[in-house]
Protein backbone atom coordinates (compact mmCIF):
# COMPACT_ATOMS: atom_id res chain seq x y z
CA UNK A 1 -75.82 -64.10 -66.73
CA UNK A 2 -76.38 -64.33 -70.49
CA UNK A 3 -78.82 -62.10 -72.33
CA UNK A 4 -81.22 -65.01 -72.89
CA UNK A 5 -81.44 -65.66 -69.15
CA UNK A 6 -81.55 -62.02 -67.98
CA UNK A 7 -85.31 -61.78 -68.52
CA UNK A 8 -85.89 -64.13 -65.56
CA UNK A 9 -84.95 -61.43 -63.03
CA UNK A 10 -87.96 -60.24 -61.02
CA UNK A 11 -90.15 -63.31 -61.58
CA UNK A 12 -89.93 -64.41 -57.95
CA UNK A 13 -87.29 -66.22 -56.00
CA UNK A 14 -88.30 -69.76 -57.02
CA UNK A 15 -89.06 -68.93 -60.65
CA UNK A 16 -85.87 -66.91 -60.92
CA UNK A 17 -83.64 -69.57 -59.36
CA UNK A 18 -85.05 -72.49 -61.33
CA UNK A 19 -85.20 -70.60 -64.61
CA UNK A 20 -81.69 -69.12 -64.32
CA UNK A 21 -80.16 -72.46 -63.29
CA UNK A 22 -81.84 -74.31 -66.15
CA UNK A 23 -80.87 -71.70 -68.73
CA UNK A 24 -77.28 -71.26 -67.58
CA UNK A 25 -76.72 -74.99 -67.13
CA UNK A 26 -77.52 -75.78 -70.74
CA UNK A 27 -75.31 -72.93 -71.96
CA UNK A 28 -72.47 -73.99 -69.67
CA UNK A 29 -72.67 -77.64 -70.71
CA UNK A 30 -72.55 -76.80 -74.41
CA UNK A 31 -69.72 -74.29 -73.99
CA UNK A 32 -67.66 -76.70 -71.87
CA UNK A 33 -68.17 -79.54 -74.32
CA UNK A 34 -67.19 -77.35 -77.28
CA UNK A 35 -64.05 -76.10 -75.54
CA UNK A 36 -63.01 -79.61 -74.56
CA UNK A 37 -63.62 -81.24 -77.93
CA UNK A 38 -62.32 -78.51 -80.23
CA UNK A 39 -59.70 -79.54 -82.76
CA UNK A 40 -56.97 -77.48 -81.06
CA UNK A 41 -57.60 -78.73 -77.53
CA UNK A 42 -55.18 -80.94 -75.64
CA UNK A 43 -57.91 -83.47 -75.04
CA UNK A 44 -58.33 -84.15 -78.75
CA UNK A 45 -54.60 -84.68 -79.19
CA UNK A 46 -54.50 -87.02 -76.20
CA UNK A 47 -57.54 -88.92 -77.49
CA UNK A 48 -55.95 -89.35 -80.92
CA UNK A 49 -52.78 -90.71 -79.35
CA UNK A 50 -54.75 -93.01 -77.07
CA UNK A 51 -56.77 -94.42 -79.95
CA UNK A 52 -53.59 -94.98 -81.97
CA UNK A 53 -51.93 -96.90 -79.16
CA UNK A 54 -55.10 -98.87 -78.46
CA UNK A 55 -55.61 -99.93 -82.08
CA UNK A 56 -51.93 -100.89 -82.41
CA UNK A 57 -52.10 -102.94 -79.23
CA UNK A 58 -55.28 -104.70 -80.35
CA UNK A 59 -53.77 -105.45 -83.75
CA UNK A 60 -50.61 -106.87 -82.20
CA UNK A 61 -52.55 -109.14 -79.87
CA UNK A 62 -54.80 -110.40 -82.64
CA UNK A 63 -51.88 -110.94 -84.99
CA UNK A 64 -49.95 -113.09 -82.53
CA UNK A 65 -52.99 -114.43 -80.62
CA UNK A 66 -51.59 -112.93 -77.46
CA UNK A 67 -53.51 -112.90 -74.16
CA UNK A 68 -56.34 -114.96 -75.59
CA UNK A 69 -57.28 -112.36 -78.23
CA UNK A 70 -59.69 -113.63 -80.87
CA UNK A 71 -60.74 -112.31 -84.24
CA UNK A 72 -64.37 -112.43 -83.11
CA UNK A 73 -63.60 -109.54 -80.72
CA UNK A 74 -62.99 -107.16 -83.64
CA UNK A 75 -66.65 -106.10 -84.24
CA UNK A 76 -67.16 -105.26 -80.59
CA UNK A 77 -63.93 -103.26 -80.42
CA UNK A 78 -64.83 -101.37 -83.60
CA UNK A 79 -68.31 -100.61 -82.23
CA UNK A 80 -66.80 -99.34 -78.98
CA UNK A 81 -64.36 -97.04 -80.77
CA UNK A 82 -67.11 -95.74 -83.08
CA UNK A 83 -69.45 -94.96 -80.18
CA UNK A 84 -66.71 -93.10 -78.31
CA UNK A 85 -65.77 -91.05 -81.37
CA UNK A 86 -69.43 -90.22 -82.06
CA UNK A 87 -69.97 -88.96 -78.52
CA UNK A 88 -66.79 -86.90 -78.23
CA UNK A 89 -66.92 -85.25 -81.65
CA UNK A 90 -70.59 -84.25 -82.09
CA UNK A 91 -72.49 -82.06 -79.61
CA UNK A 92 -75.82 -82.93 -81.27
CA UNK A 93 -75.27 -86.64 -80.62
CA UNK A 94 -73.95 -86.02 -77.12
CA UNK A 95 -76.82 -83.69 -76.28
CA UNK A 96 -79.43 -86.21 -77.43
CA UNK A 97 -77.91 -89.29 -75.79
CA UNK A 98 -76.50 -87.77 -72.61
CA UNK A 99 -77.75 -84.28 -71.72
CA UNK A 100 -81.36 -84.67 -72.79
CA UNK A 101 -81.60 -88.16 -71.27
CA UNK A 102 -80.31 -86.85 -67.94
CA UNK A 103 -82.01 -83.43 -67.86
CA UNK A 104 -85.15 -83.75 -69.98
CA UNK A 105 -86.23 -87.37 -69.73
CA UNK A 106 -86.77 -87.24 -65.92
CA UNK A 107 -89.10 -84.25 -66.32
CA UNK A 108 -91.12 -86.03 -68.98
CA UNK A 109 -91.40 -89.19 -66.88
CA UNK A 110 -92.43 -87.15 -63.84
CA UNK A 111 -95.06 -85.35 -65.92
CA UNK A 112 -96.52 -88.67 -67.12
CA UNK A 113 -96.61 -90.15 -63.61
CA UNK A 114 -98.08 -86.97 -62.04
CA UNK A 115 -100.63 -86.52 -64.83
CA UNK A 116 -103.59 -87.89 -62.81
CA UNK A 117 -102.78 -85.56 -59.89
CA UNK A 118 -102.39 -82.55 -62.16
CA UNK A 119 -105.67 -83.34 -63.91
CA UNK A 120 -107.62 -83.78 -60.66
CA UNK A 121 -108.35 -80.06 -60.38
CA UNK A 122 -105.32 -78.91 -58.39
CA UNK A 123 -104.33 -75.52 -59.76
CA UNK A 124 -100.96 -75.49 -57.97
CA UNK A 125 -99.96 -79.00 -59.09
CA UNK A 126 -100.89 -78.31 -62.72
CA UNK A 127 -98.09 -75.73 -62.88
CA UNK A 128 -95.39 -76.91 -60.42
CA UNK A 129 -93.07 -73.92 -60.82
CA UNK A 130 -95.87 -71.38 -60.53
CA UNK A 131 -97.47 -73.38 -57.71
CA UNK A 132 -94.20 -73.44 -55.76
CA UNK A 133 -93.86 -69.69 -56.18
CA UNK A 134 -97.42 -69.10 -54.99
CA UNK A 135 -96.99 -71.43 -52.00
CA UNK A 136 -93.72 -69.79 -51.00
CA UNK A 137 -95.20 -66.31 -51.28
CA UNK A 138 -98.28 -67.26 -49.25
CA UNK A 139 -96.26 -68.89 -46.46
CA UNK A 140 -93.84 -65.98 -46.29
CA UNK A 141 -96.67 -63.41 -46.23
CA UNK A 142 -98.47 -65.36 -43.51
CA UNK A 143 -95.30 -65.48 -41.40
CA UNK A 144 -95.06 -61.67 -41.63
CA UNK A 145 -98.71 -61.25 -40.64
CA UNK A 146 -98.43 -63.53 -37.61
CA UNK A 147 -95.21 -61.78 -36.65
CA UNK A 148 -97.01 -58.44 -36.63
CA UNK A 149 -99.82 -59.92 -34.53
CA UNK A 150 -97.32 -61.28 -32.03
CA UNK A 151 -95.69 -57.88 -31.66
CA UNK A 152 -92.12 -56.72 -32.19
CA UNK A 153 -91.04 -57.65 -28.65
CA UNK A 154 -92.59 -61.12 -28.60
CA UNK A 155 -90.21 -64.02 -28.08
CA UNK A 156 -90.37 -67.33 -29.84
CA UNK A 157 -93.33 -69.45 -28.69
CA UNK A 158 -94.34 -66.83 -26.09
CA UNK A 159 -97.79 -66.77 -27.72
CA UNK A 160 -99.65 -68.82 -30.35
CA UNK A 161 -99.13 -66.03 -32.89
CA UNK A 162 -95.37 -65.94 -32.22
CA UNK A 163 -95.17 -69.73 -32.51
CA UNK A 164 -97.08 -69.62 -35.80
CA UNK A 165 -94.77 -66.90 -37.12
CA UNK A 166 -91.66 -68.92 -36.22
CA UNK A 167 -93.09 -72.11 -37.73
CA UNK A 168 -94.09 -70.42 -40.98
CA UNK A 169 -90.74 -68.67 -41.27
CA UNK A 170 -88.91 -71.99 -40.86
CA UNK A 171 -91.34 -73.68 -43.26
CA UNK A 172 -90.60 -71.14 -45.98
CA UNK A 173 -86.88 -71.93 -45.76
CA UNK A 174 -87.51 -75.68 -45.73
CA UNK A 175 -89.88 -75.36 -48.68
CA UNK A 176 -87.31 -73.50 -50.74
CA UNK A 177 -84.36 -75.78 -49.92
CA UNK A 178 -86.20 -79.10 -50.38
CA UNK A 179 -87.94 -78.12 -53.61
CA UNK A 180 -86.23 -75.45 -55.67
CA UNK A 181 -82.90 -76.05 -53.93
CA UNK A 182 -82.87 -79.79 -54.64
CA UNK A 183 -84.01 -79.32 -58.26
CA UNK A 184 -81.43 -76.58 -58.86
CA UNK A 185 -78.62 -78.65 -57.32
CA UNK A 186 -79.51 -81.69 -59.45
CA UNK A 187 -79.67 -79.54 -62.60
CA UNK A 188 -76.29 -77.96 -61.85
CA UNK A 189 -74.79 -81.42 -61.28
CA UNK A 190 -76.07 -82.60 -64.64
CA UNK A 191 -74.62 -79.53 -66.36
CA UNK A 192 -71.16 -79.94 -64.84
CA UNK A 193 -71.06 -83.70 -65.43
CA UNK A 194 -72.08 -83.33 -69.07
CA UNK A 195 -69.51 -80.57 -69.61
CA UNK A 196 -66.69 -82.93 -68.58
CA UNK A 197 -68.41 -85.99 -70.06
CA UNK A 198 -65.98 -86.51 -73.00
CA UNK A 199 -63.14 -87.15 -70.54
CA UNK A 200 -64.97 -90.02 -68.84
CA UNK A 201 -66.33 -91.42 -72.09
CA UNK A 202 -62.77 -91.69 -73.39
CA UNK A 203 -61.83 -93.55 -70.19
CA UNK A 204 -64.21 -96.35 -71.16
CA UNK A 205 -61.69 -97.36 -73.81
CA UNK A 206 -59.14 -98.83 -71.38
CA UNK A 207 -60.06 -101.51 -68.83
CA UNK A 208 -57.86 -99.84 -66.19
CA UNK A 209 -59.88 -96.58 -66.31
CA UNK A 210 -63.29 -98.09 -66.95
CA UNK A 211 -64.19 -97.74 -63.28
CA UNK A 212 -64.02 -93.94 -63.60
CA UNK A 213 -66.51 -94.13 -66.44
CA UNK A 214 -68.82 -96.23 -64.26
CA UNK A 215 -68.56 -93.66 -61.46
CA UNK A 216 -69.42 -90.85 -63.87
CA UNK A 217 -72.50 -92.73 -65.07
CA UNK A 218 -73.57 -93.37 -61.47
CA UNK A 219 -73.23 -89.69 -60.58
CA UNK A 220 -75.19 -88.64 -63.67
CA UNK A 221 -77.88 -91.23 -62.93
CA UNK A 222 -78.12 -90.02 -59.31
CA UNK A 223 -78.68 -86.44 -60.47
CA UNK A 224 -81.29 -87.54 -63.04
CA UNK A 225 -83.17 -89.69 -60.52
CA UNK A 226 -83.08 -86.84 -58.00
CA UNK A 227 -84.60 -84.57 -60.63
CA UNK A 228 -87.40 -87.02 -61.40
CA UNK A 229 -88.23 -87.95 -57.80
CA UNK A 230 -87.92 -84.32 -56.70
CA UNK A 231 -90.56 -83.12 -59.16
CA UNK A 232 -92.86 -85.98 -58.20
CA UNK A 233 -92.52 -85.03 -54.54
CA UNK A 234 -93.18 -81.38 -55.38
CA UNK A 235 -96.34 -82.25 -57.29
CA UNK A 236 -97.65 -84.33 -54.41
CA UNK A 237 -96.73 -81.60 -51.91
CA UNK A 238 -98.60 -78.94 -53.85
CA UNK A 239 -101.72 -81.09 -54.20
CA UNK A 240 -101.78 -81.76 -50.43
CA UNK A 241 -100.79 -78.23 -49.41
CA UNK A 242 -103.24 -76.34 -51.64
CA UNK A 243 -106.35 -76.58 -49.37
CA UNK A 244 -104.37 -75.38 -46.37
CA UNK A 245 -102.94 -72.43 -48.28
CA UNK A 246 -106.41 -71.47 -49.52
CA UNK A 247 -107.76 -71.61 -45.97
CA UNK A 248 -104.83 -69.59 -44.70
CA UNK A 249 -105.38 -66.90 -47.35
CA UNK A 250 -109.12 -66.69 -46.64
CA UNK A 251 -108.53 -66.29 -42.92
CA UNK A 252 -106.08 -63.47 -43.54
CA UNK A 253 -108.48 -61.72 -45.89
CA UNK A 254 -111.18 -61.96 -43.22
CA UNK A 255 -108.72 -60.69 -40.60
CA UNK A 256 -109.10 -63.93 -38.65
CA UNK A 257 -105.59 -65.31 -38.50
CA UNK A 258 -105.79 -68.66 -36.72
CA UNK A 259 -102.43 -69.96 -35.42
CA UNK A 260 -103.52 -73.59 -35.64
CA UNK A 261 -103.97 -73.38 -39.42
CA UNK A 262 -100.53 -71.82 -39.78
CA UNK A 263 -98.77 -74.42 -37.64
CA UNK A 264 -100.54 -77.26 -39.47
CA UNK A 265 -99.42 -75.82 -42.82
CA UNK A 266 -95.84 -75.56 -41.53
CA UNK A 267 -95.99 -79.14 -40.24
CA UNK A 268 -97.00 -80.40 -43.68
CA UNK A 269 -94.05 -78.60 -45.21
CA UNK A 270 -91.68 -80.17 -42.66
CA UNK A 271 -93.03 -83.66 -43.33
CA UNK A 272 -92.66 -83.33 -47.08
CA UNK A 273 -89.20 -81.84 -46.59
CA UNK A 274 -88.16 -85.00 -44.75
CA UNK A 275 -89.71 -87.02 -47.57
CA UNK A 276 -87.64 -85.14 -50.14
CA UNK A 277 -84.47 -85.94 -48.21
CA UNK A 278 -85.45 -89.62 -48.14
CA UNK A 279 -86.09 -89.54 -51.91
CA UNK A 280 -82.68 -87.97 -52.46
CA UNK A 281 -81.02 -90.77 -50.49
CA UNK A 282 -83.04 -93.36 -52.40
CA UNK A 283 -81.98 -91.85 -55.74
CA UNK A 284 -78.32 -92.12 -54.75
CA UNK A 285 -78.76 -95.72 -53.60
CA UNK A 286 -80.48 -96.68 -56.86
CA UNK A 287 -77.84 -94.93 -58.98
CA UNK A 288 -74.94 -96.58 -57.18
CA UNK A 289 -76.47 -99.95 -57.96
CA UNK A 290 -75.40 -99.50 -61.59
CA UNK A 291 -72.83 -102.03 -62.78
CA UNK A 292 -71.28 -102.54 -66.17
CA UNK A 293 -72.23 -105.84 -67.82
CA UNK A 294 -69.63 -108.57 -67.62
CA UNK A 295 -69.30 -108.59 -71.40
CA UNK A 296 -68.52 -104.85 -71.48
CA UNK A 297 -65.88 -105.22 -68.82
CA UNK A 298 -64.13 -108.17 -70.46
CA UNK A 299 -61.44 -106.59 -72.57
CA UNK A 300 -58.21 -107.89 -73.92
CA UNK A 301 -56.60 -107.25 -70.57
CA UNK A 302 -58.81 -109.88 -69.02
CA UNK A 303 -58.14 -112.36 -71.79
CA UNK A 304 -54.73 -113.05 -70.30
CA UNK A 305 -56.21 -114.06 -66.95
CA UNK A 306 -58.84 -116.17 -68.72
CA UNK A 307 -56.15 -117.89 -70.79
CA UNK A 308 -54.05 -118.49 -67.70
CA UNK A 309 -57.04 -119.93 -65.90
CA UNK A 310 -57.82 -122.15 -68.88
CA UNK A 311 -54.19 -123.33 -68.95
CA UNK A 312 -54.16 -124.06 -65.25
CA UNK A 313 -57.48 -125.92 -65.33
CA UNK A 314 -56.17 -129.07 -67.15
CA UNK A 315 -53.13 -129.15 -64.90
CA UNK A 316 -55.32 -128.93 -61.83
CA UNK A 317 -57.55 -131.70 -63.19
CA UNK A 318 -54.49 -133.80 -63.94
CA UNK A 319 -53.20 -133.26 -60.42
CA UNK A 320 -56.56 -134.25 -58.99
CA UNK A 321 -56.71 -137.40 -61.13
CA UNK A 322 -53.12 -138.35 -60.29
CA UNK A 323 -53.84 -137.93 -56.61
CA UNK A 324 -56.92 -140.11 -56.92
CA UNK A 325 -54.91 -142.72 -58.79
CA UNK A 326 -52.19 -142.64 -56.18
CA UNK A 327 -54.73 -143.05 -53.41
CA UNK A 328 -56.34 -146.05 -55.14
CA UNK A 329 -52.91 -147.60 -55.81
CA UNK A 330 -51.93 -147.15 -52.17
CA UNK A 331 -55.16 -148.79 -51.05
CA UNK A 332 -54.44 -151.75 -53.34
CA UNK A 333 -50.87 -152.05 -52.09
CA UNK A 334 -51.81 -151.86 -48.43
CA UNK A 335 -52.69 -155.61 -47.95
CA UNK A 336 -49.55 -156.72 -49.79
CA UNK A 337 -47.37 -154.38 -47.73
CA UNK A 338 -48.98 -155.58 -44.50
CA UNK A 339 -48.47 -159.24 -45.44
CA UNK A 340 -44.87 -158.61 -46.41
CA UNK A 341 -44.17 -156.84 -43.15
CA UNK A 342 -45.72 -159.73 -41.17
CA UNK A 343 -43.66 -162.29 -43.09
CA UNK A 344 -40.49 -160.32 -42.51
CA UNK A 345 -41.26 -160.11 -38.82
CA UNK A 346 -41.83 -163.88 -38.57
CA UNK A 347 -38.61 -164.68 -40.41
CA UNK A 348 -36.68 -162.28 -38.24
CA UNK A 349 -38.11 -163.85 -35.08
CA UNK A 350 -37.34 -167.39 -36.22
CA UNK A 351 -33.79 -166.48 -37.25
CA UNK A 352 -33.04 -164.75 -33.98
CA UNK A 353 -34.35 -167.66 -31.91
CA UNK A 354 -32.67 -170.63 -33.62
CA UNK A 355 -30.58 -169.31 -36.44
CA UNK A 356 -32.73 -171.19 -38.91
CA UNK A 357 -36.22 -171.05 -40.23
CA UNK A 358 -38.76 -173.23 -38.56
CA UNK A 359 -41.09 -175.24 -40.72
CA UNK A 360 -44.02 -173.91 -38.74
CA UNK A 361 -43.18 -170.31 -39.57
CA UNK A 362 -41.87 -170.78 -43.06
CA UNK A 363 -45.33 -170.09 -44.52
CA UNK A 364 -47.73 -167.39 -43.49
CA UNK A 365 -50.65 -168.44 -41.37
CA UNK A 366 -53.81 -169.47 -43.20
CA UNK A 367 -57.42 -169.86 -42.19
CA UNK A 368 -57.92 -173.22 -40.41
CA UNK A 369 -54.27 -173.80 -39.51
CA UNK A 370 -55.19 -174.24 -35.85
CA UNK A 371 -57.13 -177.46 -36.70
CA UNK A 372 -54.46 -179.06 -38.91
CA UNK A 373 -51.55 -181.22 -37.99
CA UNK A 374 -48.30 -179.51 -38.62
CA UNK A 375 -46.28 -180.80 -41.52
CA UNK A 376 -43.09 -182.75 -40.69
CA UNK A 377 -40.07 -181.82 -42.67
CA UNK A 378 -37.78 -184.54 -44.25
CA UNK A 379 -34.88 -183.28 -42.16
CA UNK A 380 -36.76 -184.05 -38.95
CA UNK A 381 -37.61 -187.58 -40.20
CA UNK A 382 -33.94 -188.34 -40.85
CA UNK A 383 -33.10 -187.10 -37.38
CA UNK A 384 -35.50 -189.63 -35.95
């Protein structure tokens, strides 16, 4: 523990845990970022080589118009490279845009949303950290008192006092894990993710590794949302729990420990603990709904597929039109083909029967031929 964070020892379990985690997380994130982005680090050399290759590749594609590259893409590419360099070379910029947005903005939003509750006269909700410490101490002390009333040989739920002692003991653990534990875990996640943030920011440069950058943003957003929703749940818990804790303390001061008050207080803690778990799941679901815009994901690598699709589109249209033309041509040829086949069949029949064409079958049948006299050929007249 650093010297700046050593003064938090002895302030209580919740104050000490939250204060030490917050202090050490900021120090760890800054130290990890500085070590990763120093001029002599391997990451800086790799980033320089990656930028060189990327710029050369972009220049080649624009020079020869390869893979659908256009000159209008140059401002966006330059802006992307500038943003990456600004974030991986300056801790002040990175701290403002990444660390403070993930670690400080959720607390400010939670404070604004919980302002009406904190201003309604709740002393515990007005100071969430101090209120959590007071609630934890009161529940723990009450569990000890009910345990003494139940006796050292009492078994669990053998008497109302023993049941109250067991419930309050479990409630103290649930209270710590679902409040200070969740907040500390989210803060630690933000610190670790920001310490390795330059690696994932550099991965945004290439389309093939852009998915890793999206995953990093989702994880950071999940931790930030957990931090915001966790503090809101804590504020609401303290405002609801305060009257029960006051009643519990007054009963103990009057030496009238009532098990029903203790079990009701423990039940409230259990209910809000389940609510904190649900909020944690909801924060993860909301964070994993993050998607990069289609414009940000369309790099030069996708230009090739777009160009290929554009090239194949006219050919597909031409194939469709040629098929339609062939179908129409076949429909137009169908009557002619049918008539030709019928004529061929008639000629074949006449030739096979007499070896010569009959005058009656020399012409195809027409409408009304059944009511006309058949024509007499000159050859038949001479025969007569």
